[in-house]
PDB file of N, CA and C in Angstrom:
ATOM      1  N   MET A   1      26.704 -11.681 -22.766  1.00  0.00           N
ATOM      2  CA  MET A   1      27.317 -10.660 -21.897  1.00  0.00           C
ATOM      3  C   MET A   1      28.532 -11.262 -21.260  1.00  0.00           C
ATOM      4  N   ASP A   2      29.590 -10.480 -21.190  1.00  0.00           N
ATOM      5  CA  ASP A   2      30.837 -10.867 -20.551  1.00  0.00           C
ATOM      6  C   ASP A   2      30.618 -10.914 -19.056  1.00  0.00           C
ATOM      7  N   GLU A   3      31.107 -12.016 -18.455  1.00  0.00           N
ATOM      8  CA  GLU A   3      30.908 -12.176 -16.991  1.00  0.00           C
ATOM      9  C   GLU A   3      31.566 -11.126 -16.154  1.00  0.00           C
ATOM     10  N   PHE A   4      32.530 -10.405 -16.733  1.00  0.00           N
ATOM     11  CA  PHE A   4      33.310  -9.405 -15.981  1.00  0.00           C
ATOM     12  C   PHE A   4      32.913  -7.943 -16.323  1.00  0.00           C
ATOM     13  N   ASN A   5      32.051  -7.802 -17.281  1.00  0.00           N
ATOM     14  CA  ASN A   5      31.682  -6.478 -17.767  1.00  0.00           C
ATOM     15  C   ASN A   5      30.147  -6.348 -17.820  1.00  0.00           C
ATOM     16  N   ILE A   6      29.625  -5.408 -17.056  1.00  0.00           N
ATOM     17  CA  ILE A   6      28.176  -5.214 -17.000  1.00  0.00           C
ATOM     18  C   ILE A   6      27.885  -3.936 -17.812  1.00  0.00           C
ATOM     19  N   PRO A   7      27.247  -4.065 -18.955  1.00  0.00           N
ATOM     20  CA  PRO A   7      27.013  -2.915 -19.837  1.00  0.00           C
ATOM     21  C   PRO A   7      25.817  -2.123 -19.458  1.00  0.00           C
ATOM     22  N   PHE A   8      25.870  -1.402 -18.324  1.00  0.00           N
ATOM     23  CA  PHE A   8      24.754  -0.574 -17.839  1.00  0.00           C
ATOM     24  C   PHE A   8      24.309   0.428 -18.919  1.00  0.00           C
ATOM     25  N   ALA A   9      25.292   0.966 -19.647  1.00  0.00           N
ATOM     26  CA  ALA A   9      24.968   2.012 -20.601  1.00  0.00           C
ATOM     27  C   ALA A   9      24.055   1.482 -21.741  1.00  0.00           C
ATOM     28  N   GLN A  10      24.141   0.174 -22.009  1.00  0.00           N
ATOM     29  CA  GLN A  10      23.300  -0.414 -23.070  1.00  0.00           C
ATOM     30  C   GLN A  10      22.031  -0.999 -22.564  1.00  0.00           C
ATOM     31  N   MET A  11      21.854  -1.071 -21.266  1.00  0.00           N
ATOM     32  CA  MET A  11      20.640  -1.640 -20.713  1.00  0.00           C
ATOM     33  C   MET A  11      19.507  -0.615 -20.735  1.00  0.00           C
ATOM     34  N   PRO A  12      18.297  -1.036 -21.020  1.00  0.00           N
ATOM     35  CA  PRO A  12      17.174  -0.107 -21.003  1.00  0.00           C
ATOM     36  C   PRO A  12      16.757   0.214 -19.546  1.00  0.00           C
ATOM     37  N   TRP A  13      16.213   1.410 -19.345  1.00  0.00           N
ATOM     38  CA  TRP A  13      15.684   1.781 -18.025  1.00  0.00           C
ATOM     39  C   TRP A  13      14.343   1.058 -17.868  1.00  0.00           C
ATOM     40  N   GLN A  14      14.049   0.608 -16.619  1.00  0.00           N
ATOM     41  CA  GLN A  14      12.762  -0.009 -16.272  1.00  0.00           C
ATOM     42  C   GLN A  14      12.087   0.954 -15.323  1.00  0.00           C
ATOM     43  N   GLU A  15      10.856   1.315 -15.629  1.00  0.00           N
ATOM     44  CA  GLU A  15      10.073   2.175 -14.734  1.00  0.00           C
ATOM     45  C   GLU A  15       9.666   1.323 -13.530  1.00  0.00           C
ATOM     46  N   SER A  16      10.018   1.780 -12.348  1.00  0.00           N
ATOM     47  CA  SER A  16       9.703   1.063 -11.119  1.00  0.00           C
ATOM     48  C   SER A  16       8.497   1.624 -10.460  1.00  0.00           C
ATOM     49  N   GLY A  17       8.063   2.795 -10.864  1.00  0.00           N
ATOM     50  CA  GLY A  17       6.934   3.508 -10.291  1.00  0.00           C
ATOM     51  C   GLY A  17       7.006   4.991 -10.667  1.00  0.00           C
ATOM     52  N   PRO A  18       6.070   5.784 -10.240  1.00  0.00           N
ATOM     53  CA  PRO A  18       6.152   7.202 -10.628  1.00  0.00           C
ATOM     54  C   PRO A  18       7.349   7.875 -10.058  1.00  0.00           C
ATOM     55  N   GLY A  19       8.200   8.425 -10.917  1.00  0.00           N
ATOM     56  CA  GLY A  19       9.376   9.184 -10.439  1.00  0.00           C
ATOM     57  C   GLY A  19      10.612   8.371 -10.152  1.00  0.00           C
ATOM     58  N   VAL A  20      10.577   7.078 -10.437  1.00  0.00           N
ATOM     59  CA  VAL A  20      11.764   6.234 -10.176  1.00  0.00           C
ATOM     60  C   VAL A  20      11.908   5.214 -11.320  1.00  0.00           C
ATOM     61  N   ARG A  21      13.190   5.043 -11.772  1.00  0.00           N
ATOM     62  CA  ARG A  21      13.458   3.995 -12.776  1.00  0.00           C
ATOM     63  C   ARG A  21      14.805   3.370 -12.416  1.00  0.00           C
ATOM     64  N   THR A  22      14.988   2.146 -12.907  1.00  0.00           N
ATOM     65  CA  THR A  22      16.179   1.410 -12.530  1.00  0.00           C
ATOM     66  C   THR A  22      16.772   0.640 -13.718  1.00  0.00           C
ATOM     67  N   LYS A  23      18.036   0.276 -13.546  1.00  0.00           N
ATOM     68  CA  LYS A  23      18.725  -0.701 -14.394  1.00  0.00           C
ATOM     69  C   LYS A  23      19.285  -1.695 -13.356  1.00  0.00           C
ATOM     70  N   THR A  24      18.990  -2.995 -13.556  1.00  0.00           N
ATOM     71  CA  THR A  24      19.334  -4.016 -12.538  1.00  0.00           C
ATOM     72  C   THR A  24      20.114  -5.169 -13.205  1.00  0.00           C
ATOM     73  N   PHE A  25      21.197  -5.573 -12.543  1.00  0.00           N
ATOM     74  CA  PHE A  25      21.959  -6.754 -12.914  1.00  0.00           C
ATOM     75  C   PHE A  25      22.086  -7.659 -11.704  1.00  0.00           C
ATOM     76  N   ILE A  26      21.715  -8.932 -11.831  1.00  0.00           N
ATOM     77  CA  ILE A  26      21.800  -9.894 -10.750  1.00  0.00           C
ATOM     78  C   ILE A  26      22.709 -11.040 -11.142  1.00  0.00           C
ATOM     79  N   GLN A  27      23.636 -11.348 -10.240  1.00  0.00           N
ATOM     80  CA  GLN A  27      24.503 -12.520 -10.455  1.00  0.00           C
ATOM     81  C   GLN A  27      24.679 -13.223  -9.136  1.00  0.00           C
ATOM     82  N   GLY A  28      24.198 -14.451  -9.049  1.00  0.00           N
ATOM     83  CA  GLY A  28      24.274 -15.210  -7.777  1.00  0.00           C
ATOM     84  C   GLY A  28      23.403 -14.510  -6.759  1.00  0.00           C
ATOM     85  N   ASP A  29      24.053 -14.190  -5.597  1.00  0.00           N
ATOM     86  CA  ASP A  29      23.292 -13.542  -4.544  1.00  0.00           C
ATOM     87  C   ASP A  29      23.557 -12.029  -4.420  1.00  0.00           C
ATOM     88  N   ARG A  30      24.119 -11.458  -5.502  1.00  0.00           N
ATOM     89  CA  ARG A  30      24.414 -10.047  -5.544  1.00  0.00           C
ATOM     90  C   ARG A  30      23.598  -9.342  -6.617  1.00  0.00           C
ATOM     91  N   LYS A  31      23.132  -8.121  -6.225  1.00  0.00           N
ATOM     92  CA  LYS A  31      22.365  -7.274  -7.183  1.00  0.00           C
ATOM     93  C   LYS A  31      23.068  -5.938  -7.295  1.00  0.00           C
ATOM     94  N   LEU A  32      23.305  -5.520  -8.518  1.00  0.00           N
ATOM     95  CA  LEU A  32      23.798  -4.211  -8.832  1.00  0.00           C
ATOM     96  C   LEU A  32      22.662  -3.425  -9.458  1.00  0.00           C
ATOM     97  N   ARG A  33      22.484  -2.196  -9.028  1.00  0.00           N
ATOM     98  CA  ARG A  33      21.394  -1.383  -9.564  1.00  0.00           C
ATOM     99  C   ARG A  33      21.860   0.032  -9.786  1.00  0.00           C
ATOM    100  N   ILE A  34      21.393   0.616 -10.832  1.00  0.00           N
ATOM    101  CA  ILE A  34      21.425   2.096 -10.996  1.00  0.00           C
ATOM    102  C   ILE A  34      20.007   2.520 -10.872  1.00  0.00           C
ATOM    103  N   VAL A  35      19.810   3.470  -9.959  1.00  0.00           N
ATOM    104  CA  VAL A  35      18.478   3.940  -9.646  1.00  0.00           C
ATOM    105  C   VAL A  35      18.404   5.480  -9.876  1.00  0.00           C
ATOM    106  N   GLU A  36      17.395   5.915 -10.584  1.00  0.00           N
ATOM    107  CA  GLU A  36      17.195   7.326 -10.839  1.00  0.00           C
ATOM    108  C   GLU A  36      15.919   7.763 -10.122  1.00  0.00           C
ATOM    109  N   PHE A  37      16.023   8.730  -9.179  1.00  0.00           N
ATOM    110  CA  PHE A  37      14.909   9.307  -8.502  1.00  0.00           C
ATOM    111  C   PHE A  37      14.689  10.710  -9.023  1.00  0.00           C
ATOM    112  N   SER A  38      13.457  11.017  -9.414  1.00  0.00           N
ATOM    113  CA  SER A  38      13.080  12.402  -9.767  1.00  0.00           C
ATOM    114  C   SER A  38      12.539  13.093  -8.519  1.00  0.00           C
ATOM    115  N   PRO A  39      12.516  14.441  -8.562  1.00  0.00           N
ATOM    116  CA  PRO A  39      11.937  15.138  -7.410  1.00  0.00           C
ATOM    117  C   PRO A  39      10.483  14.798  -7.109  1.00  0.00           C
ATOM    118  N   GLU A  40       9.766  14.251  -8.103  1.00  0.00           N
ATOM    119  CA  GLU A  40       8.371  13.849  -7.929  1.00  0.00           C
ATOM    120  C   GLU A  40       8.188  12.581  -7.137  1.00  0.00           C
ATOM    121  N   PHE A  41       9.235  11.766  -6.989  1.00  0.00           N
ATOM    122  CA  PHE A  41       9.133  10.431  -6.376  1.00  0.00           C
ATOM    123  C   PHE A  41       8.768  10.579  -4.864  1.00  0.00           C
ATOM    124  N   ILE A  42       7.793   9.820  -4.477  1.00  0.00           N
ATOM    125  CA  ILE A  42       7.366   9.737  -3.056  1.00  0.00           C
ATOM    126  C   ILE A  42       7.484   8.282  -2.599  1.00  0.00           C
ATOM    127  N   GLU A  43       8.267   8.011  -1.587  1.00  0.00           N
ATOM    128  CA  GLU A  43       8.460   6.671  -1.085  1.00  0.00           C
ATOM    129  C   GLU A  43       7.392   6.375  -0.019  1.00  0.00           C
ATOM    130  N   PRO A  44       6.466   5.439  -0.341  1.00  0.00           N
ATOM    131  CA  PRO A  44       5.400   5.175   0.609  1.00  0.00           C
ATOM    132  C   PRO A  44       5.810   4.216   1.769  1.00  0.00           C
ATOM    133  N   ASP A  45       6.790   3.452   1.585  1.00  0.00           N
ATOM    134  CA  ASP A  45       7.070   2.362   2.572  1.00  0.00           C
ATOM    135  C   ASP A  45       8.483   2.523   3.158  1.00  0.00           C
ATOM    136  N   TRP A  46       8.614   1.984   4.364  1.00  0.00           N
ATOM    137  CA  TRP A  46       9.923   1.900   5.048  1.00  0.00           C
ATOM    138  C   TRP A  46      10.640   0.648   4.571  1.00  0.00           C
ATOM    139  N   CYS A  47      11.985   0.715   4.557  1.00  0.00           N
ATOM    140  CA  CYS A  47      12.812  -0.414   4.122  1.00  0.00           C
ATOM    141  C   CYS A  47      13.732  -0.818   5.258  1.00  0.00           C
ATOM    142  N   VAL A  48      13.899  -2.099   5.494  1.00  0.00           N
ATOM    143  CA  VAL A  48      14.847  -2.595   6.498  1.00  0.00           C
ATOM    144  C   VAL A  48      15.987  -3.368   5.860  1.00  0.00           C
ATOM    145  N   LYS A  49      16.033  -3.372   4.511  1.00  0.00           N
ATOM    146  CA  LYS A  49      17.098  -4.049   3.783  1.00  0.00           C
ATOM    147  C   LYS A  49      18.345  -3.132   3.744  1.00  0.00           C
ATOM    148  N   GLY A  50      19.509  -3.722   3.819  1.00  0.00           N
ATOM    149  CA  GLY A  50      20.728  -2.951   3.761  1.00  0.00           C
ATOM    150  C   GLY A  50      21.042  -2.530   2.319  1.00  0.00           C
ATOM    151  N   HIS A  51      21.735  -1.367   2.210  1.00  0.00           N
ATOM    152  CA  HIS A  51      22.159  -0.826   0.940  1.00  0.00           C
ATOM    153  C   HIS A  51      23.558  -0.290   1.036  1.00  0.00           C
ATOM    154  N   SER A  52      24.382  -0.532   0.055  1.00  0.00           N
ATOM    155  CA  SER A  52      25.670   0.103  -0.104  1.00  0.00           C
ATOM    156  C   SER A  52      25.637   0.791  -1.451  1.00  0.00           C
ATOM    157  N   GLY A  53      26.059   2.017  -1.486  1.00  0.00           N
ATOM    158  CA  GLY A  53      25.982   2.712  -2.767  1.00  0.00           C
ATOM    159  C   GLY A  53      26.741   4.015  -2.824  1.00  0.00           C
ATOM    160  N   TYR A  54      26.645   4.619  -3.978  1.00  0.00           N
ATOM    161  CA  TYR A  54      27.385   5.801  -4.334  1.00  0.00           C
ATOM    162  C   TYR A  54      26.437   6.717  -5.157  1.00  0.00           C
ATOM    163  N   VAL A  55      26.452   8.011  -4.831  1.00  0.00           N
ATOM    164  CA  VAL A  55      25.650   8.984  -5.508  1.00  0.00           C
ATOM    165  C   VAL A  55      26.380   9.404  -6.764  1.00  0.00           C
ATOM    166  N   LEU A  56      25.983   8.952  -7.967  1.00  0.00           N
ATOM    167  CA  LEU A  56      26.639   9.319  -9.184  1.00  0.00           C
ATOM    168  C   LEU A  56      26.343  10.810  -9.563  1.00  0.00           C
ATOM    169  N   SER A  57      25.122  11.191  -9.321  1.00  0.00           N
ATOM    170  CA  SER A  57      24.786  12.605  -9.594  1.00  0.00           C
ATOM    171  C   SER A  57      23.511  12.956  -8.794  1.00  0.00           C
ATOM    172  N   GLY A  58      23.416  14.214  -8.454  1.00  0.00           N
ATOM    173  CA  GLY A  58      22.235  14.661  -7.771  1.00  0.00           C
ATOM    174  C   GLY A  58      22.381  14.954  -6.291  1.00  0.00           C
ATOM    175  N   ASP A  59      21.246  15.138  -5.636  1.00  0.00           N
ATOM    176  CA  ASP A  59      21.174  15.562  -4.267  1.00  0.00           C
ATOM    177  C   ASP A  59      19.849  15.008  -3.672  1.00  0.00           C
ATOM    178  N   MET A  60      19.938  14.159  -2.663  1.00  0.00           N
ATOM    179  CA  MET A  60      18.745  13.529  -2.130  1.00  0.00           C
ATOM    180  C   MET A  60      18.829  13.409  -0.592  1.00  0.00           C
ATOM    181  N   GLU A  61      17.688  13.149  -0.006  1.00  0.00           N
ATOM    182  CA  GLU A  61      17.628  12.943   1.434  1.00  0.00           C
ATOM    183  C   GLU A  61      16.956  11.632   1.735  1.00  0.00           C
ATOM    184  N   ILE A  62      17.490  10.926   2.736  1.00  0.00           N
ATOM    185  CA  ILE A  62      16.919   9.654   3.203  1.00  0.00           C
ATOM    186  C   ILE A  62      16.488   9.859   4.636  1.00  0.00           C
ATOM    187  N   GLU A  63      15.291   9.454   4.913  1.00  0.00           N
ATOM    188  CA  GLU A  63      14.748   9.560   6.285  1.00  0.00           C
ATOM    189  C   GLU A  63      14.972   8.219   6.983  1.00  0.00           C
ATOM    190  N   PHE A  64      15.606   8.280   8.212  1.00  0.00           N
ATOM    191  CA  PHE A  64      15.833   7.100   9.004  1.00  0.00           C
ATOM    192  C   PHE A  64      14.868   7.239  10.202  1.00  0.00           C
ATOM    193  N   ALA A  65      14.167   6.124  10.495  1.00  0.00           N
ATOM    194  CA  ALA A  65      13.157   6.117  11.575  1.00  0.00           C
ATOM    195  C   ALA A  65      13.747   6.525  12.910  1.00  0.00           C
ATOM    196  N   HIS A  66      15.006   6.126  13.146  1.00  0.00           N
ATOM    197  CA  HIS A  66      15.629   6.375  14.472  1.00  0.00           C
ATOM    198  C   HIS A  66      16.747   7.358  14.424  1.00  0.00           C
ATOM    199  N   HIS A  67      17.042   7.920  13.258  1.00  0.00           N
ATOM    200  CA  HIS A  67      18.198   8.786  13.116  1.00  0.00           C
ATOM    201  C   HIS A  67      17.962  10.082  12.333  1.00  0.00           C
ATOM    202  N   GLY A  68      16.693  10.377  12.037  1.00  0.00           N
ATOM    203  CA  GLY A  68      16.346  11.605  11.361  1.00  0.00           C
ATOM    204  C   GLY A  68      16.638  11.559   9.850  1.00  0.00           C
ATOM    205  N   ILE A  69      16.695  12.713   9.241  1.00  0.00           N
ATOM    206  CA  ILE A  69      16.900  12.836   7.834  1.00  0.00           C
ATOM    207  C   ILE A  69      18.399  13.177   7.563  1.00  0.00           C
ATOM    208  N   ARG A  70      18.973  12.408   6.553  1.00  0.00           N
ATOM    209  CA  ARG A  70      20.350  12.603   6.176  1.00  0.00           C
ATOM    210  C   ARG A  70      20.420  12.900   4.689  1.00  0.00           C
ATOM    211  N   ARG A  71      21.320  13.832   4.330  1.00  0.00           N
ATOM    212  CA  ARG A  71      21.443  14.257   2.941  1.00  0.00           C
ATOM    213  C   ARG A  71      22.614  13.574   2.264  1.00  0.00           C
ATOM    214  N   PHE A  72      22.464  13.213   1.036  1.00  0.00           N
ATOM    215  CA  PHE A  72      23.477  12.532   0.199  1.00  0.00           C
ATOM    216  C   PHE A  72      23.616  13.282  -1.109  1.00  0.00           C
ATOM    217  N   ARG A  73      24.868  13.731  -1.467  1.00  0.00           N
ATOM    218  CA  ARG A  73      25.106  14.535  -2.623  1.00  0.00           C
ATOM    219  C   ARG A  73      26.058  13.765  -3.598  1.00  0.00           C
ATOM    220  N   THR A  74      26.171  14.310  -4.784  1.00  0.00           N
ATOM    221  CA  THR A  74      27.092  13.741  -5.788  1.00  0.00           C
ATOM    222  C   THR A  74      28.441  13.505  -5.141  1.00  0.00           C
ATOM    223  N   GLY A  75      28.977  12.282  -5.395  1.00  0.00           N
ATOM    224  CA  GLY A  75      30.315  11.935  -4.881  1.00  0.00           C
ATOM    225  C   GLY A  75      30.294  11.329  -3.489  1.00  0.00           C
ATOM    226  N   GLU A  76      29.182  11.285  -2.848  1.00  0.00           N
ATOM    227  CA  GLU A  76      29.114  10.704  -1.508  1.00  0.00           C
ATOM    228  C   GLU A  76      28.579   9.270  -1.569  1.00  0.00           C
ATOM    229  N   ALA A  77      28.973   8.468  -0.604  1.00  0.00           N
ATOM    230  CA  ALA A  77      28.576   7.078  -0.553  1.00  0.00           C
ATOM    231  C   ALA A  77      27.600   6.894   0.621  1.00  0.00           C
ATOM    232  N   LEU A  78      26.869   5.804   0.582  1.00  0.00           N
ATOM    233  CA  LEU A  78      26.005   5.449   1.682  1.00  0.00           C
ATOM    234  C   LEU A  78      26.205   4.005   2.011  1.00  0.00           C
ATOM    235  N   LEU A  79      26.088   3.686   3.267  1.00  0.00           N
ATOM    236  CA  LEU A  79      26.263   2.302   3.793  1.00  0.00           C
ATOM    237  C   LEU A  79      25.197   2.139   4.841  1.00  0.00           C
ATOM    238  N   ILE A  80      24.086   1.495   4.522  1.00  0.00           N
ATOM    239  CA  ILE A  80      22.959   1.338   5.426  1.00  0.00           C
ATOM    240  C   ILE A  80      22.861  -0.139   5.760  1.00  0.00           C
ATOM    241  N   PRO A  81      23.043  -0.540   7.014  1.00  0.00           N
ATOM    242  CA  PRO A  81      22.982  -1.947   7.374  1.00  0.00           C
ATOM    243  C   PRO A  81      21.555  -2.462   7.377  1.00  0.00           C
ATOM    244  N   ASP A  82      21.410  -3.805   7.291  1.00  0.00           N
ATOM    245  CA  ASP A  82      20.117  -4.435   7.412  1.00  0.00           C
ATOM    246  C   ASP A  82      19.571  -4.237   8.803  1.00  0.00           C
ATOM    247  N   GLY A  83      18.220  -4.251   8.923  1.00  0.00           N
ATOM    248  CA  GLY A  83      17.603  -4.345  10.190  1.00  0.00           C
ATOM    249  C   GLY A  83      16.716  -3.172  10.596  1.00  0.00           C
ATOM    250  N   GLU A  84      15.899  -3.435  11.582  1.00  0.00           N
ATOM    251  CA  GLU A  84      14.922  -2.430  12.066  1.00  0.00           C
ATOM    252  C   GLU A  84      15.607  -1.173  12.591  1.00  0.00           C
ATOM    253  N   GLY A  85      16.755  -1.349  13.190  1.00  0.00           N
ATOM    254  CA  GLY A  85      17.494  -0.180  13.720  1.00  0.00           C
ATOM    255  C   GLY A  85      17.939   0.823  12.679  1.00  0.00           C
ATOM    256  N   SER A  86      17.977   0.452  11.417  1.00  0.00           N
ATOM    257  CA  SER A  86      18.340   1.385  10.379  1.00  0.00           C
ATOM    258  C   SER A  86      17.223   1.542   9.369  1.00  0.00           C
ATOM    259  N   ARG A  87      15.994   1.269   9.781  1.00  0.00           N
ATOM    260  CA  ARG A  87      14.836   1.401   8.929  1.00  0.00           C
ATOM    261  C   ARG A  87      14.817   2.804   8.231  1.00  0.00           C
ATOM    262  N   HIS A  88      14.603   2.830   6.976  1.00  0.00           N
ATOM    263  CA  HIS A  88      14.747   4.053   6.222  1.00  0.00           C
ATOM    264  C   HIS A  88      13.825   4.099   5.008  1.00  0.00           C
ATOM    265  N   ARG A  89      13.726   5.275   4.404  1.00  0.00           N
ATOM    266  CA  ARG A  89      13.039   5.478   3.135  1.00  0.00           C
ATOM    267  C   ARG A  89      13.528   6.750   2.441  1.00  0.00           C
ATOM    268  N   HIS A  90      13.363   6.724   1.151  1.00  0.00           N
ATOM    269  CA  HIS A  90      13.694   7.925   0.362  1.00  0.00           C
ATOM    270  C   HIS A  90      12.820   9.032   0.862  1.00  0.00           C
ATOM    271  N   TYR A  91      13.376  10.163   1.263  1.00  0.00           N
ATOM    272  CA  TYR A  91      12.549  11.256   1.764  1.00  0.00           C
ATOM    273  C   TYR A  91      12.222  12.201   0.643  1.00  0.00           C
ATOM    274  N   ARG A  92      13.284  12.679  -0.076  1.00  0.00           N
ATOM    275  CA  ARG A  92      13.073  13.539  -1.242  1.00  0.00           C
ATOM    276  C   ARG A  92      14.364  13.665  -2.047  1.00  0.00           C
ATOM    277  N   SER A  93      14.169  13.963  -3.341  1.00  0.00           N
ATOM    278  CA  SER A  93      15.282  14.254  -4.172  1.00  0.00           C
ATOM    279  C   SER A  93      15.190  15.775  -4.447  1.00  0.00           C
ATOM    280  N   LEU A  94      16.260  16.481  -4.187  1.00  0.00           N
ATOM    281  CA  LEU A  94      16.226  17.904  -4.435  1.00  0.00           C
ATOM    282  C   LEU A  94      16.418  18.263  -5.878  1.00  0.00           C
ATOM    283  N   GLU A  95      16.920  17.266  -6.654  1.00  0.00           N
ATOM    284  CA  GLU A  95      17.022  17.316  -8.115  1.00  0.00           C
ATOM    285  C   GLU A  95      17.048  15.839  -8.564  1.00  0.00           C
ATOM    286  N   THR A  96      16.995  15.622  -9.847  1.00  0.00           N
ATOM    287  CA  THR A  96      17.080  14.236 -10.305  1.00  0.00           C
ATOM    288  C   THR A  96      18.393  13.648  -9.760  1.00  0.00           C
ATOM    289  N   THR A  97      18.320  12.481  -9.111  1.00  0.00           N
ATOM    290  CA  THR A  97      19.463  11.866  -8.435  1.00  0.00           C
ATOM    291  C   THR A  97      19.629  10.447  -8.961  1.00  0.00           C
ATOM    292  N   ILE A  98      20.892  10.100  -9.264  1.00  0.00           N
ATOM    293  CA  ILE A  98      21.228   8.770  -9.765  1.00  0.00           C
ATOM    294  C   ILE A  98      22.183   8.109  -8.786  1.00  0.00           C
ATOM    295  N   LEU A  99      21.780   6.902  -8.305  1.00  0.00           N
ATOM    296  CA  LEU A  99      22.591   6.133  -7.386  1.00  0.00           C
ATOM    297  C   LEU A  99      23.074   4.851  -8.032  1.00  0.00           C
ATOM    298  N   PHE A 100      24.256   4.415  -7.653  1.00  0.00           N
ATOM    299  CA  PHE A 100      24.734   3.066  -7.928  1.00  0.00           C
ATOM    300  C   PHE A 100      24.664   2.257  -6.634  1.00  0.00           C
ATOM    301  N   LEU A 101      23.925   1.186  -6.581  1.00  0.00           N
ATOM    302  CA  LEU A 101      23.711   0.399  -5.384  1.00  0.00           C
ATOM    303  C   LEU A 101      24.187  -1.046  -5.551  1.00  0.00           C
ATOM    304  N   VAL A 102      24.762  -1.585  -4.504  1.00  0.00           N
ATOM    305  CA  VAL A 102      25.147  -2.989  -4.379  1.00  0.00           C
ATOM    306  C   VAL A 102      24.330  -3.577  -3.247  1.00  0.00           C
ATOM    307  N   GLU A 103      23.636  -4.682  -3.547  1.00  0.00           N
ATOM    308  CA  GLU A 103      22.721  -5.260  -2.512  1.00  0.00           C
ATOM    309  C   GLU A 103      22.786  -6.761  -2.552  1.00  0.00           C
ATOM    310  N   ASP A 104      22.419  -7.382  -1.469  1.00  0.00           N
ATOM    311  CA  ASP A 104      22.220  -8.842  -1.455  1.00  0.00           C
ATOM    312  C   ASP A 104      20.810  -9.120  -1.950  1.00  0.00           C
ATOM    313  N   CYS A 105      20.709 -10.211  -2.688  1.00  0.00           N
ATOM    314  CA  CYS A 105      19.392 -10.600  -3.208  1.00  0.00           C
ATOM    315  C   CYS A 105      18.520 -11.251  -2.122  1.00  0.00           C
TER     316      CYS A 105
END
């Protein structure tokens, strides 16, 4: 693989659980992921890890413990900082939704 080109289109999908699958690339302390959520996906746990990303397609909602439910649609970005103050979880996908995420390992 070319160190400057990440061939996500050629990577196989990995089933992460019912209703969610991912393609993941890790280099050093950075992780790039494409994540697909189906409307059937239910997030059982809260997350305190930060996420930066872009909604490639779809329409989804994220529940924040201290900030309510926020909607993210195709073409919108998200920037969720680390920490308890921004604790969050996938609330629901209104249709199949695909995100591109950049995260620290």
